[in-house]
C-alpha atoms as a PDB file:
ATOM      1  CA  MET A   1     -98.084-131.027  25.253  1.00  0.00           C
ATOM      2  CA  LYS A   2    -101.349-129.531  26.558  1.00  0.00           C
ATOM      3  CA  LYS A   3    -102.647-129.269  22.991  1.00  0.00           C
ATOM      4  CA  LEU A   4    -101.777-132.947  22.441  1.00  0.00           C
ATOM      5  CA  LEU A   5    -103.722-134.001  25.548  1.00  0.00           C
ATOM      6  CA  SER A   6    -106.658-131.837  24.518  1.00  0.00           C
ATOM      7  CA  VAL A   7    -106.759-133.437  21.075  1.00  0.00           C
ATOM      8  CA  LEU A   8    -106.564-136.922  22.622  1.00  0.00           C
ATOM      9  CA  THR A   9    -109.475-136.196  24.927  1.00  0.00           C
ATOM     10  CA  THR A  10    -111.512-134.778  22.052  1.00  0.00           C
ATOM     11  CA  ILE A  11    -110.898-137.884  19.951  1.00  0.00           C
ATOM     12  CA  ILE A  12    -112.016-140.136  22.782  1.00  0.00           C
ATOM     13  CA  LEU A  13    -115.214-138.129  23.213  1.00  0.00           C
ATOM     14  CA  ILE A  14    -115.887-138.201  19.477  1.00  0.00           C
ATOM     15  CA  ILE A  15    -115.481-141.986  19.472  1.00  0.00           C
ATOM     16  CA  TYR A  16    -117.868-142.270  22.377  1.00  0.00           C
ATOM     17  CA  ASN A  17    -120.501-139.946  20.930  1.00  0.00           C
ATOM     18  CA  SER A  18    -120.367-141.669  17.574  1.00  0.00           C
ATOM     19  CA  GLY A  19    -121.758-144.802  19.159  1.00  0.00           C
ATOM     20  CA  CYS A  20    -118.601-146.853  19.417  1.00  0.00           C
ATOM     21  CA  THR A  21    -119.142-149.426  22.184  1.00  0.00           C
ATOM     22  CA  GLN A  22    -115.497-150.406  22.655  1.00  0.00           C
ATOM     23  CA  LEU A  23    -115.034-147.632  25.236  1.00  0.00           C
ATOM     24  CA  ASP A  24    -117.599-147.580  27.965  1.00  0.00           C
ATOM     25  CA  GLU A  25    -118.643-144.444  29.802  1.00  0.00           C
ATOM     26  CA  LYS A  26    -116.508-145.219  32.833  1.00  0.00           C
ATOM     27  CA  THR A  27    -113.358-145.692  30.743  1.00  0.00           C
ATOM     28  CA  VAL A  28    -113.889-142.414  28.939  1.00  0.00           C
ATOM     29  CA  ALA A  29    -114.381-140.644  32.243  1.00  0.00           C
ATOM     30  CA  GLU A  30    -111.192-142.113  33.664  1.00  0.00           C
ATOM     31  CA  ILE A  31    -109.179-141.173  30.593  1.00  0.00           C
ATOM     32  CA  THR A  32    -110.588-137.664  30.587  1.00  0.00           C
ATOM     33  CA  THR A  33    -109.787-137.207  34.272  1.00  0.00           C
ATOM     34  CA  ALA A  34    -106.265-138.507  33.783  1.00  0.00           C
ATOM     35  CA  ALA A  35    -105.770-136.128  30.856  1.00  0.00           C
ATOM     36  CA  GLY A  36    -107.003-133.241  32.961  1.00  0.00           C
ATOM     37  CA  ASN A  37    -104.638-134.136  35.800  1.00  0.00           C
ATOM     38  CA  ALA A  38    -101.717-134.408  33.369  1.00  0.00           C
ATOM     39  CA  ALA A  39    -102.580-131.021  31.901  1.00  0.00           C
ATOM     40  CA  ALA A  40    -102.601-129.493  35.387  1.00  0.00           C
ATOM     41  CA  VAL A  41     -99.187-130.951  36.133  1.00  0.00           C
ATOM     42  CA  ILE A  42     -97.832-129.674  32.820  1.00  0.00           C
ATOM     43  CA  THR A  43     -99.283-126.212  33.487  1.00  0.00           C
ATOM     44  CA  ALA A  44     -97.572-126.108  36.871  1.00  0.00           C
ATOM     45  CA  ALA A  45     -94.289-127.247  35.338  1.00  0.00           C
ATOM     46  CA  GLU A  46     -94.516-124.634  32.595  1.00  0.00           C
ATOM     47  CA  THR A  47     -95.206-121.929  35.181  1.00  0.00           C
ATOM     48  CA  ALA A  48     -92.185-122.998  37.217  1.00  0.00           C
ATOM     49  CA  LEU A  49     -90.041-123.099  34.094  1.00  0.00           C
ATOM     50  CA  GLN A  50     -91.153-119.603  33.050  1.00  0.00           C
ATOM     51  CA  THR A  51     -90.389-118.306  36.550  1.00  0.00           C
ATOM     52  CA  THR A  52     -86.919-119.837  36.371  1.00  0.00           C
ATOM     53  CA  ASN A  53     -86.321-118.347  32.926  1.00  0.00           C
ATOM     54  CA  ASP A  54     -87.418-114.926  34.180  1.00  0.00           C
ATOM     55  CA  MET A  55     -85.012-115.178  37.109  1.00  0.00           C
ATOM     56  CA  VAL A  56     -82.131-116.206  34.827  1.00  0.00           C
ATOM     57  CA  GLN A  57     -82.836-113.363  32.391  1.00  0.00           C
ATOM     58  CA  SER A  58     -83.042-110.882  35.255  1.00  0.00           C
ATOM     59  CA  LYS A  59     -79.684-112.107  36.583  1.00  0.00           C
ATOM     60  CA  GLU A  60     -78.144-111.832  33.107  1.00  0.00           C
ATOM     61  CA  ARG A  61     -79.421-108.255  32.731  1.00  0.00           C
ATOM     62  CA  THR A  62     -77.993-107.346  36.118  1.00  0.00           C
ATOM     63  CA  GLU A  63     -74.627-108.912  35.313  1.00  0.00           C
ATOM     64  CA  LYS A  64     -74.546-107.190  31.929  1.00  0.00           C
ATOM     65  CA  THR A  65     -75.273-103.812  33.520  1.00  0.00           C
ATOM     66  CA  SER A  66     -72.725-104.165  36.318  1.00  0.00           C
ATOM     67  CA  ALA A  67     -69.985-105.745  34.206  1.00  0.00           C
ATOM     68  CA  PRO A  68     -67.272-103.542  32.692  1.00  0.00           C
ATOM     69  CA  LEU A  69     -68.180-102.291  29.244  1.00  0.00           C
ATOM     70  CA  GLN A  70     -66.520-104.331  26.538  1.00  0.00           C
ATOM     71  CA  PHE A  71     -64.117-102.530  24.218  1.00  0.00           C
ATOM     72  CA  ASP A  72     -64.170-103.727  20.613  1.00  0.00           C
ATOM     73  CA  PHE A  73     -60.502-103.746  19.585  1.00  0.00           C
ATOM     74  CA  GLU A  74     -61.322-104.591  15.975  1.00  0.00           C
ATOM     75  CA  ARG A  75     -63.583-101.569  15.607  1.00  0.00           C
ATOM     76  CA  LYS A  76     -61.444 -99.606  18.112  1.00  0.00           C
ATOM     77  CA  SER A  77     -64.611 -98.474  19.846  1.00  0.00           C
ATOM     78  CA  VAL A  78     -67.100 -98.988  22.666  1.00  0.00           C
ATOM     79  CA  MET A  79     -70.891 -98.738  22.598  1.00  0.00           C
ATOM     80  CA  LEU A  80     -72.110 -96.046  24.987  1.00  0.00           C
ATOM     81  CA  ASN A  81     -75.304 -96.354  27.006  1.00  0.00           C
ATOM     82  CA  SER A  82     -76.704 -93.614  24.752  1.00  0.00           C
ATOM     83  CA  GLY A  83     -76.608 -96.027  21.838  1.00  0.00           C
ATOM     84  CA  TYR A  84     -73.732 -94.290  20.056  1.00  0.00           C
ATOM     85  CA  GLU A  85     -70.353 -95.826  19.261  1.00  0.00           C
ATOM     86  CA  MET A  86     -67.309 -93.997  20.641  1.00  0.00           C
ATOM     87  CA  PRO A  87     -63.645 -94.505  19.677  1.00  0.00           C
ATOM     88  CA  ILE A  88     -61.533 -95.762  22.585  1.00  0.00           C
ATOM     89  CA  LEU A  89     -58.418 -93.769  21.700  1.00  0.00           C
ATOM     90  CA  GLY A  90     -58.426 -90.049  21.002  1.00  0.00           C
ATOM     91  CA  LEU A  91     -56.364 -86.889  21.042  1.00  0.00           C
ATOM     92  CA  GLY A  92     -56.782 -84.243  23.751  1.00  0.00           C
ATOM     93  CA  MET A  93     -56.481 -80.498  23.143  1.00  0.00           C
ATOM     94  CA  PHE A  94     -55.641 -79.327  26.668  1.00  0.00           C
ATOM     95  CA  SER A  95     -53.189 -76.372  26.756  1.00  0.00           C
ATOM     96  CA  LEU A  96     -52.720 -76.271  22.962  1.00  0.00           C
ATOM     97  CA  SER A  97     -52.631 -72.898  21.215  1.00  0.00           C
ATOM     98  CA  ASP A  98     -54.960 -72.198  18.304  1.00  0.00           C
ATOM     99  CA  SER A  99     -52.386 -73.139  15.680  1.00  0.00           C
ATOM    100  CA  GLU A 100     -51.320 -76.240  17.607  1.00  0.00           C
ATOM    101  CA  ALA A 101     -54.916 -77.358  18.138  1.00  0.00           C
ATOM    102  CA  GLU A 102     -55.806 -76.901  14.471  1.00  0.00           C
ATOM    103  CA  ASN A 103     -52.757 -78.788  13.242  1.00  0.00           C
ATOM    104  CA  SER A 104     -52.994 -81.529  15.878  1.00  0.00           C
ATOM    105  CA  THR A 105     -56.666 -82.121  15.070  1.00  0.00           C
ATOM    106  CA  TYR A 106     -55.860 -82.301  11.369  1.00  0.00           C
ATOM    107  CA  TRP A 107     -52.857 -84.605  11.867  1.00  0.00           C
ATOM    108  CA  ALA A 108     -54.779 -86.853  14.239  1.00  0.00           C
ATOM    109  CA  LEU A 109     -57.652 -87.348  11.801  1.00  0.00           C
ATOM    110  CA  LYS A 110     -55.202 -87.806   8.922  1.00  0.00           C
ATOM    111  CA  HIS A 111     -53.295 -90.561  10.734  1.00  0.00           C
ATOM    112  CA  GLY A 112     -56.195 -92.623  12.082  1.00  0.00           C
ATOM    113  CA  PHE A 113     -57.587 -90.968  15.198  1.00  0.00           C
ATOM    114  CA  ARG A 114     -61.352 -90.507  15.156  1.00  0.00           C
ATOM    115  CA  LEU A 115     -61.876 -89.013  18.625  1.00  0.00           C
ATOM    116  CA  ILE A 116     -60.990 -85.389  19.397  1.00  0.00           C
ATOM    117  CA  ASP A 117     -61.413 -83.986  22.917  1.00  0.00           C
ATOM    118  CA  THR A 118     -61.559 -80.250  23.593  1.00  0.00           C
ATOM    119  CA  ALA A 119     -63.305 -77.852  25.982  1.00  0.00           C
ATOM    120  CA  ARG A 120     -64.654 -74.333  26.112  1.00  0.00           C
ATOM    121  CA  ILE A 121     -62.098 -73.327  28.755  1.00  0.00           C
ATOM    122  CA  TYR A 122     -59.222 -74.487  26.538  1.00  0.00           C
ATOM    123  CA  GLY A 123     -60.062 -71.614  24.201  1.00  0.00           C
ATOM    124  CA  ASN A 124     -59.399 -73.659  21.066  1.00  0.00           C
ATOM    125  CA  GLU A 125     -62.806 -74.975  19.963  1.00  0.00           C
ATOM    126  CA  GLU A 126     -62.721 -72.772  16.854  1.00  0.00           C
ATOM    127  CA  ALA A 127     -59.251 -74.068  15.983  1.00  0.00           C
ATOM    128  CA  VAL A 128     -60.422 -77.647  16.427  1.00  0.00           C
ATOM    129  CA  GLY A 129     -63.313 -76.871  14.102  1.00  0.00           C
ATOM    130  CA  ARG A 130     -60.875 -75.613  11.475  1.00  0.00           C
ATOM    131  CA  GLY A 131     -58.771 -78.771  11.816  1.00  0.00           C
ATOM    132  CA  ILE A 132     -61.876 -80.905  11.379  1.00  0.00           C
ATOM    133  CA  LYS A 133     -62.886 -78.977   8.269  1.00  0.00           C
ATOM    134  CA  ARG A 134     -59.401 -79.369   6.743  1.00  0.00           C
ATOM    135  CA  ALA A 135     -59.441 -83.124   7.282  1.00  0.00           C
ATOM    136  CA  ILE A 136     -62.932 -83.441   5.815  1.00  0.00           C
ATOM    137  CA  ASP A 137     -62.198 -81.164   2.871  1.00  0.00           C
ATOM    138  CA  GLU A 138     -59.083 -83.167   2.010  1.00  0.00           C
ATOM    139  CA  GLY A 139     -60.999 -86.438   2.125  1.00  0.00           C
ATOM    140  CA  TYR A 140     -59.371 -88.067   5.145  1.00  0.00           C
ATOM    141  CA  VAL A 141     -62.647 -88.399   7.067  1.00  0.00           C
ATOM    142  CA  THR A 142     -66.341 -87.666   6.905  1.00  0.00           C
ATOM    143  CA  ARG A 143     -68.297 -85.999   9.695  1.00  0.00           C
ATOM    144  CA  GLY A 144     -70.008 -89.275  10.490  1.00  0.00           C
ATOM    145  CA  GLU A 145     -66.680 -91.025  11.077  1.00  0.00           C
ATOM    146  CA  ILE A 146     -65.413 -88.670  13.772  1.00  0.00           C
ATOM    147  CA  PHE A 147     -66.418 -88.216  17.394  1.00  0.00           C
ATOM    148  CA  ILE A 148     -66.082 -84.767  18.956  1.00  0.00           C
ATOM    149  CA  THR A 149     -66.130 -84.164  22.693  1.00  0.00           C
ATOM    150  CA  THR A 150     -66.260 -80.773  24.347  1.00  0.00           C
ATOM    151  CA  LYS A 151     -66.924 -79.609  27.897  1.00  0.00           C
ATOM    152  CA  MET A 152     -69.098 -76.971  29.511  1.00  0.00           C
ATOM    153  CA  TRP A 153     -67.133 -74.773  31.907  1.00  0.00           C
ATOM    154  CA  THR A 154     -68.388 -74.053  35.436  1.00  0.00           C
ATOM    155  CA  SER A 155     -69.005 -70.351  34.831  1.00  0.00           C
ATOM    156  CA  ASP A 156     -71.444 -71.329  32.057  1.00  0.00           C
ATOM    157  CA  TYR A 157     -73.582 -73.637  34.200  1.00  0.00           C
ATOM    158  CA  SER A 158     -76.115 -70.911  34.963  1.00  0.00           C
ATOM    159  CA  ASP A 159     -77.097 -70.780  31.275  1.00  0.00           C
ATOM    160  CA  GLY A 160     -76.314 -74.181  29.868  1.00  0.00           C
ATOM    161  CA  ALA A 161     -78.461 -73.784  26.772  1.00  0.00           C
ATOM    162  CA  ALA A 162     -76.477 -70.742  25.646  1.00  0.00           C
ATOM    163  CA  ALA A 163     -73.191 -72.518  26.393  1.00  0.00           C
ATOM    164  CA  ILE A 164     -74.195 -75.455  24.195  1.00  0.00           C
ATOM    165  CA  ASP A 165     -75.157 -73.205  21.296  1.00  0.00           C
ATOM    166  CA  ALA A 166     -71.889 -71.284  21.664  1.00  0.00           C
ATOM    167  CA  SER A 167     -69.799 -74.457  21.500  1.00  0.00           C
ATOM    168  CA  LEU A 168     -71.692 -75.639  18.432  1.00  0.00           C
ATOM    169  CA  SER A 169     -71.022 -72.300  16.763  1.00  0.00           C
ATOM    170  CA  ARG A 170     -67.319 -72.249  17.643  1.00  0.00           C
ATOM    171  CA  LEU A 171     -66.789 -75.818  16.469  1.00  0.00           C
ATOM    172  CA  GLY A 172     -68.786 -75.196  13.292  1.00  0.00           C
ATOM    173  CA  LEU A 173     -70.845 -78.347  13.819  1.00  0.00           C
ATOM    174  CA  ASP A 174     -74.545 -79.200  13.566  1.00  0.00           C
ATOM    175  CA  TYR A 175     -74.274 -81.551  16.553  1.00  0.00           C
ATOM    176  CA  ILE A 176     -71.718 -82.486  19.190  1.00  0.00           C
ATOM    177  CA  ASP A 177     -71.100 -86.187  19.779  1.00  0.00           C
ATOM    178  CA  LEU A 178     -70.442 -85.794  23.510  1.00  0.00           C
ATOM    179  CA  MET A 179     -70.639 -82.859  25.882  1.00  0.00           C
ATOM    180  CA  ILE A 180     -69.623 -83.217  29.511  1.00  0.00           C
ATOM    181  CA  LEU A 181     -69.706 -80.945  32.535  1.00  0.00           C
ATOM    182  CA  HIS A 182     -66.075 -79.999  33.173  1.00  0.00           C
ATOM    183  CA  HIS A 183     -66.162 -80.050  36.985  1.00  0.00           C
ATOM    184  CA  SER A 184     -68.419 -80.845  39.893  1.00  0.00           C
ATOM    185  CA  GLN A 185     -70.181 -77.722  41.129  1.00  0.00           C
ATOM    186  CA  PRO A 186     -73.050 -78.638  43.461  1.00  0.00           C
ATOM    187  CA  SER A 187     -74.571 -75.160  43.397  1.00  0.00           C
ATOM    188  CA  ASN A 188     -75.803 -75.475  39.807  1.00  0.00           C
ATOM    189  CA  ASP A 189     -74.327 -78.444  37.956  1.00  0.00           C
ATOM    190  CA  VAL A 190     -77.678 -80.273  38.010  1.00  0.00           C
ATOM    191  CA  ASP A 191     -79.274 -77.360  36.148  1.00  0.00           C
ATOM    192  CA  ALA A 192     -76.448 -77.461  33.616  1.00  0.00           C
ATOM    193  CA  TYR A 193     -76.882 -81.206  33.173  1.00  0.00           C
ATOM    194  CA  LYS A 194     -80.611 -80.745  32.597  1.00  0.00           C
ATOM    195  CA  ALA A 195     -79.777 -78.215  29.888  1.00  0.00           C
ATOM    196  CA  MET A 196     -77.659 -80.900  28.209  1.00  0.00           C
ATOM    197  CA  GLU A 197     -80.554 -83.352  28.514  1.00  0.00           C
ATOM    198  CA  GLN A 198     -82.787 -80.894  26.668  1.00  0.00           C
ATOM    199  CA  ALA A 199     -80.101 -80.472  24.009  1.00  0.00           C
ATOM    200  CA  VAL A 200     -80.120 -84.252  23.506  1.00  0.00           C
ATOM    201  CA  ARG A 201     -83.857 -84.105  22.919  1.00  0.00           C
ATOM    202  CA  ASP A 202     -83.315 -81.216  20.505  1.00  0.00           C
ATOM    203  CA  GLY A 203     -80.687 -83.128  18.520  1.00  0.00           C
ATOM    204  CA  LYS A 204     -77.842 -80.756  19.376  1.00  0.00           C
ATOM    205  CA  LEU A 205     -75.989 -83.304  21.544  1.00  0.00           C
ATOM    206  CA  ARG A 206     -75.854 -87.059  21.083  1.00  0.00           C
ATOM    207  CA  SER A 207     -74.359 -88.145  24.405  1.00  0.00           C
ATOM    208  CA  ILE A 208     -73.693 -86.378  27.707  1.00  0.00           C
ATOM    209  CA  GLY A 209     -71.492 -87.042  30.720  1.00  0.00           C
ATOM    210  CA  LEU A 210     -69.362 -85.739  33.563  1.00  0.00           C
ATOM    211  CA  SER A 211     -65.734 -84.915  34.291  1.00  0.00           C
ATOM    212  CA  ASN A 212     -63.833 -84.517  37.556  1.00  0.00           C
ATOM    213  CA  TYR A 213     -66.332 -86.222  39.828  1.00  0.00           C
ATOM    214  CA  TYR A 214     -64.105 -88.244  42.126  1.00  0.00           C
ATOM    215  CA  GLU A 215     -66.526 -89.513  44.780  1.00  0.00           C
ATOM    216  CA  PRO A 216     -69.426 -91.939  44.241  1.00  0.00           C
ATOM    217  CA  GLU A 217     -71.749 -89.733  46.298  1.00  0.00           C
ATOM    218  CA  ASP A 218     -70.984 -86.706  44.142  1.00  0.00           C
ATOM    219  CA  PHE A 219     -71.580 -88.660  40.948  1.00  0.00           C
ATOM    220  CA  ASP A 220     -74.861 -90.094  42.274  1.00  0.00           C
ATOM    221  CA  ARG A 221     -76.014 -86.646  43.332  1.00  0.00           C
ATOM    222  CA  VAL A 222     -76.274 -85.663  39.669  1.00  0.00           C
ATOM    223  CA  VAL A 223     -77.575 -89.046  38.512  1.00  0.00           C
ATOM    224  CA  ASN A 224     -80.404 -89.076  41.051  1.00  0.00           C
ATOM    225  CA  ALA A 225     -81.536 -85.562  40.125  1.00  0.00           C
ATOM    226  CA  THR A 226     -81.646 -86.116  36.354  1.00  0.00           C
ATOM    227  CA  THR A 227     -83.048 -88.499  33.743  1.00  0.00           C
ATOM    228  CA  ILE A 228     -80.334 -89.456  31.256  1.00  0.00           C
ATOM    229  CA  LYS A 229     -77.563 -91.553  32.775  1.00  0.00           C
ATOM    230  CA  PRO A 230     -74.072 -90.184  32.044  1.00  0.00           C
ATOM    231  CA  ALA A 231     -72.569 -91.947  29.046  1.00  0.00           C
ATOM    232  CA  LEU A 232     -69.047 -91.205  30.264  1.00  0.00           C
ATOM    233  CA  LEU A 233     -66.995 -90.069  33.252  1.00  0.00           C
ATOM    234  CA  GLN A 234     -63.654 -88.440  32.497  1.00  0.00           C
ATOM    235  CA  ASN A 235     -61.144 -88.220  35.377  1.00  0.00           C
ATOM    236  CA  GLU A 236     -57.389 -88.029  35.786  1.00  0.00           C
ATOM    237  CA  THR A 237     -56.152 -91.602  35.425  1.00  0.00           C
ATOM    238  CA  HIS A 238     -52.742 -93.146  34.776  1.00  0.00           C
ATOM    239  CA  PRO A 239     -50.669 -96.053  36.161  1.00  0.00           C
ATOM    240  CA  TYR A 240     -50.033 -94.228  39.456  1.00  0.00           C
ATOM    241  CA  HIS A 241     -53.704 -93.239  39.879  1.00  0.00           C
ATOM    242  CA  GLN A 242     -55.920 -95.977  38.438  1.00  0.00           C
ATOM    243  CA  SER A 243     -59.388 -94.787  39.545  1.00  0.00           C
ATOM    244  CA  GLY A 244     -60.592 -98.248  40.523  1.00  0.00           C
ATOM    245  CA  LEU A 245     -63.295 -97.046  42.925  1.00  0.00           C
ATOM    246  CA  MET A 246     -65.042 -94.794  40.418  1.00  0.00           C
ATOM    247  CA  LYS A 247     -64.706 -97.264  37.540  1.00  0.00           C
ATOM    248  CA  GLU A 248     -66.401 -99.914  39.639  1.00  0.00           C
ATOM    249  CA  HIS A 249     -69.096 -97.541  40.859  1.00  0.00           C
ATOM    250  CA  ILE A 250     -70.192 -96.147  37.488  1.00  0.00           C
ATOM    251  CA  ALA A 251     -70.456 -99.603  35.889  1.00  0.00           C
ATOM    252  CA  GLN A 252     -73.937 -99.973  37.387  1.00  0.00           C
ATOM    253  CA  TYR A 253     -75.118 -97.134  35.140  1.00  0.00           C
ATOM    254  CA  GLY A 254     -73.447 -98.440  31.989  1.00  0.00           C
ATOM    255  CA  THR A 255     -71.167 -95.401  32.133  1.00  0.00           C
ATOM    256  CA  VAL A 256     -67.815 -95.766  30.388  1.00  0.00           C
ATOM    257  CA  PHE A 257     -64.619 -94.401  31.964  1.00  0.00           C
ATOM    258  CA  GLU A 258     -62.196 -92.075  30.179  1.00  0.00           C
ATOM    259  CA  SER A 259     -58.694 -91.056  31.285  1.00  0.00           C
ATOM    260  CA  TRP A 260     -57.338 -87.553  31.001  1.00  0.00           C
ATOM    261  CA  PHE A 261     -53.607 -87.195  31.650  1.00  0.00           C
ATOM    262  CA  PRO A 262     -53.312 -90.844  30.544  1.00  0.00           C
ATOM    263  CA  LEU A 263     -49.526 -90.415  30.234  1.00  0.00           C
ATOM    264  CA  GLY A 264     -49.222 -88.392  33.423  1.00  0.00           C
ATOM    265  CA  GLY A 265     -49.731 -84.965  31.879  1.00  0.00           C
ATOM    266  CA  ARG A 266     -47.247 -82.375  30.731  1.00  0.00           C
ATOM    267  CA  GLY A 267     -44.297 -82.241  33.103  1.00  0.00           C
ATOM    268  CA  ASN A 268     -44.911 -85.743  34.467  1.00  0.00           C
ATOM    269  CA  THR A 269     -44.634 -87.983  31.435  1.00  0.00           C
ATOM    270  CA  GLN A 270     -40.971 -88.784  31.994  1.00  0.00           C
ATOM    271  CA  THR A 271     -41.773 -90.001  35.498  1.00  0.00           C
ATOM    272  CA  LEU A 272     -43.958 -92.690  33.993  1.00  0.00           C
ATOM    273  CA  PHE A 273     -41.864 -93.305  30.879  1.00  0.00           C
ATOM    274  CA  ASN A 274     -38.790 -94.025  33.026  1.00  0.00           C
ATOM    275  CA  ASP A 275     -40.617 -96.263  35.481  1.00  0.00           C
ATOM    276  CA  GLU A 276     -38.696 -99.548  35.498  1.00  0.00           C
ATOM    277  CA  THR A 277     -41.783-101.729  35.128  1.00  0.00           C
ATOM    278  CA  ILE A 278     -43.157 -99.720  32.215  1.00  0.00           C
ATOM    279  CA  SER A 279     -39.847 -99.363  30.389  1.00  0.00           C
ATOM    280  CA  SER A 280     -39.088-103.080  30.708  1.00  0.00           C
ATOM    281  CA  ILE A 281     -42.468-104.022  29.249  1.00  0.00           C
ATOM    282  CA  ALA A 282     -41.883-101.524  26.448  1.00  0.00           C
ATOM    283  CA  SER A 283     -38.513-103.087  25.700  1.00  0.00           C
ATOM    284  CA  ALA A 284     -40.036-106.563  25.572  1.00  0.00           C
ATOM    285  CA  HIS A 285     -42.573-105.461  22.958  1.00  0.00           C
ATOM    286  CA  LYS A 286     -40.185-103.152  21.084  1.00  0.00           C
ATOM    287  CA  LYS A 287     -42.574-100.294  21.775  1.00  0.00           C
ATOM    288  CA  SER A 288     -42.227 -96.963  23.561  1.00  0.00           C
ATOM    289  CA  SER A 289     -43.301 -96.452  27.162  1.00  0.00           C
ATOM    290  CA  ALA A 290     -46.064 -94.150  25.905  1.00  0.00           C
ATOM    291  CA  GLN A 291     -47.436 -96.903  23.687  1.00  0.00           C
ATOM    292  CA  VAL A 292     -47.369 -99.425  26.540  1.00  0.00           C
ATOM    293  CA  ILE A 293     -49.221 -97.043  28.874  1.00  0.00           C
ATOM    294  CA  LEU A 294     -51.872 -96.297  26.266  1.00  0.00           C
ATOM    295  CA  ARG A 295     -52.318 -99.988  25.509  1.00  0.00           C
ATOM    296  CA  TRP A 296     -52.677-100.632  29.248  1.00  0.00           C
ATOM    297  CA  HIS A 297     -55.446 -98.024  29.464  1.00  0.00           C
ATOM    298  CA  LEU A 298     -57.460 -99.664  26.717  1.00  0.00           C
ATOM    299  CA  GLN A 299     -57.012-103.206  28.033  1.00  0.00           C
ATOM    300  CA  ALA A 300     -57.971-101.962  31.490  1.00  0.00           C
ATOM    301  CA  GLY A 301     -61.241-100.697  30.025  1.00  0.00           C
ATOM    302  CA  GLN A 302     -60.722 -96.947  29.962  1.00  0.00           C
ATOM    303  CA  ILE A 303     -60.692 -94.624  26.968  1.00  0.00           C
ATOM    304  CA  ALA A 304     -57.438 -92.659  26.680  1.00  0.00           C
ATOM    305  CA  ILE A 305     -56.940 -89.165  25.266  1.00  0.00           C
ATOM    306  CA  PRO A 306     -53.237 -88.263  25.215  1.00  0.00           C
ATOM    307  CA  GLY A 307     -52.345 -84.749  24.102  1.00  0.00           C
ATOM    308  CA  SER A 308     -49.643 -83.722  21.644  1.00  0.00           C
ATOM    309  CA  SER A 309     -48.708 -80.954  19.240  1.00  0.00           C
ATOM    310  CA  ASN A 310     -46.045 -83.106  17.545  1.00  0.00           C
ATOM    311  CA  GLU A 311     -47.108 -84.980  14.422  1.00  0.00           C
ATOM    312  CA  GLN A 312     -44.652 -87.843  14.966  1.00  0.00           C
ATOM    313  CA  HIS A 313     -45.811 -88.311  18.560  1.00  0.00           C
ATOM    314  CA  ILE A 314     -49.415 -88.347  17.343  1.00  0.00           C
ATOM    315  CA  ILE A 315     -48.549 -91.097  14.866  1.00  0.00           C
ATOM    316  CA  GLU A 316     -46.731 -93.027  17.608  1.00  0.00           C
ATOM    317  CA  ASP A 317     -49.612 -92.708  20.055  1.00  0.00           C
ATOM    318  CA  TYR A 318     -52.012 -94.253  17.555  1.00  0.00           C
ATOM    319  CA  ASP A 319     -49.703 -97.142  16.682  1.00  0.00           C
ATOM    320  CA  ILE A 320     -50.803 -99.434  19.511  1.00  0.00           C
ATOM    321  CA  TRP A 321     -53.075-101.900  17.754  1.00  0.00           C
ATOM    322  CA  ASP A 322     -50.470-104.502  16.749  1.00  0.00           C
ATOM    323  CA  PHE A 323     -49.494-105.767  20.199  1.00  0.00           C
ATOM    324  CA  GLU A 324     -51.145-106.856  23.436  1.00  0.00           C
ATOM    325  CA  LEU A 325     -50.052-106.874  27.061  1.00  0.00           C
ATOM    326  CA  SER A 326     -50.126-110.289  28.708  1.00  0.00           C
ATOM    327  CA  ASP A 327     -52.103-110.996  31.876  1.00  0.00           C
ATOM    328  CA  GLU A 328     -48.846-110.939  33.831  1.00  0.00           C
ATOM    329  CA  GLU A 329     -47.886-107.580  32.332  1.00  0.00           C
ATOM    330  CA  MET A 330     -51.314-106.180  33.149  1.00  0.00           C
ATOM    331  CA  ARG A 331     -50.890-107.335  36.751  1.00  0.00           C
ATOM    332  CA  SER A 332     -47.484-105.653  36.866  1.00  0.00           C
ATOM    333  CA  MET A 333     -49.033-102.413  35.624  1.00  0.00           C
ATOM    334  CA  SER A 334     -51.848-102.677  38.166  1.00  0.00           C
ATOM    335  CA  ALA A 335     -49.243-103.041  40.921  1.00  0.00           C
ATOM    336  CA  LEU A 336     -47.981 -99.522  40.126  1.00  0.00           C
ATOM    337  CA  GLU A 337     -51.036 -97.986  41.797  1.00  0.00           C
ATOM    338  CA  THR A 338     -50.038 -95.436  44.447  1.00  0.00           C
ATOM    339  CA  ASP A 339     -53.213 -93.301  44.379  1.00  0.00           C
ATOM    340  CA  GLU A 340     -50.996 -90.385  43.341  1.00  0.00           C
ATOM    341  CA  ARG A 341     -52.531 -87.621  41.272  1.00  0.00           C
ATOM    342  CA  PHE A 342     -50.402 -85.203  39.281  1.00  0.00           C
ATOM    343  CA  SER A 343     -52.987 -82.412  39.163  1.00  0.00           C
ATOM    344  CA  TRP A 344     -54.996 -80.506  41.744  1.00  0.00           C
ATOM    345  CA  TYR A 345     -58.267 -80.098  39.825  1.00  0.00           C
END
């Protein structure tokens, strides 16, 4: 619009300077003044419009950051704040022996899982590495298709760099998709986290995060002392302990939530499986209670990593993509919250 007014004014001046007598000097001056006033009004309007657009975009960015991360159920994944895609359903290796961990990793990758979760303290990283190699060698997956998580144990925090290299060696990998600190330890967990940050810069780790941080202040203590925002927080979470406070708190950082003991953990699964609400929903969908609980986790916006050393259970746990819990069923599951944890750590 301003360009149009400028052209109009220029034309008028050209007509005047060329000797045309149809427009006297006073008329040209009035037109030029009017054009200038119109341009000033347009400039002010454009400035106001740009300010409004900036405010809207700022609000949208804020809402996007604070909103729960969106799970892509077609791709079965979520985009982490690190820029890497992570599967939303995986298999955990807690308490599995070497042979169990190797076989479970292999079976999981063979039957569709792409996320494997282990830890240094589990003592089975090498076995997981062997299971990965078997699945790759037999053509079920490629390295780029799988996502491996491991955890740095508290006794290793004083030399995080060495702990990272040791996990890489045991797993037999060139990089680890996600490494997380296994527990809060205020005396030196910040130093350990900084070691993981350096490993990200060195290409040894792709994403980093935290586990077993149950208070917002404790989580923020690490965040405020470091540079890379945690991509993930992994805490005990299941229908009786739904972790609402921490899920809401970490959303501001774009941090995704992950549930360990998603089925209640060994020794407690039957408590959840036999819950009347859960079993009735399972019956309605012709699914098992385990499948309903896992589906609830994903629809509630939290990654789930059930553990199993049984191939048929592994197959069952992954078979949750062909049904969906209704809003009413999700509300019924939410109503099971009792803030009851099954573990002490």
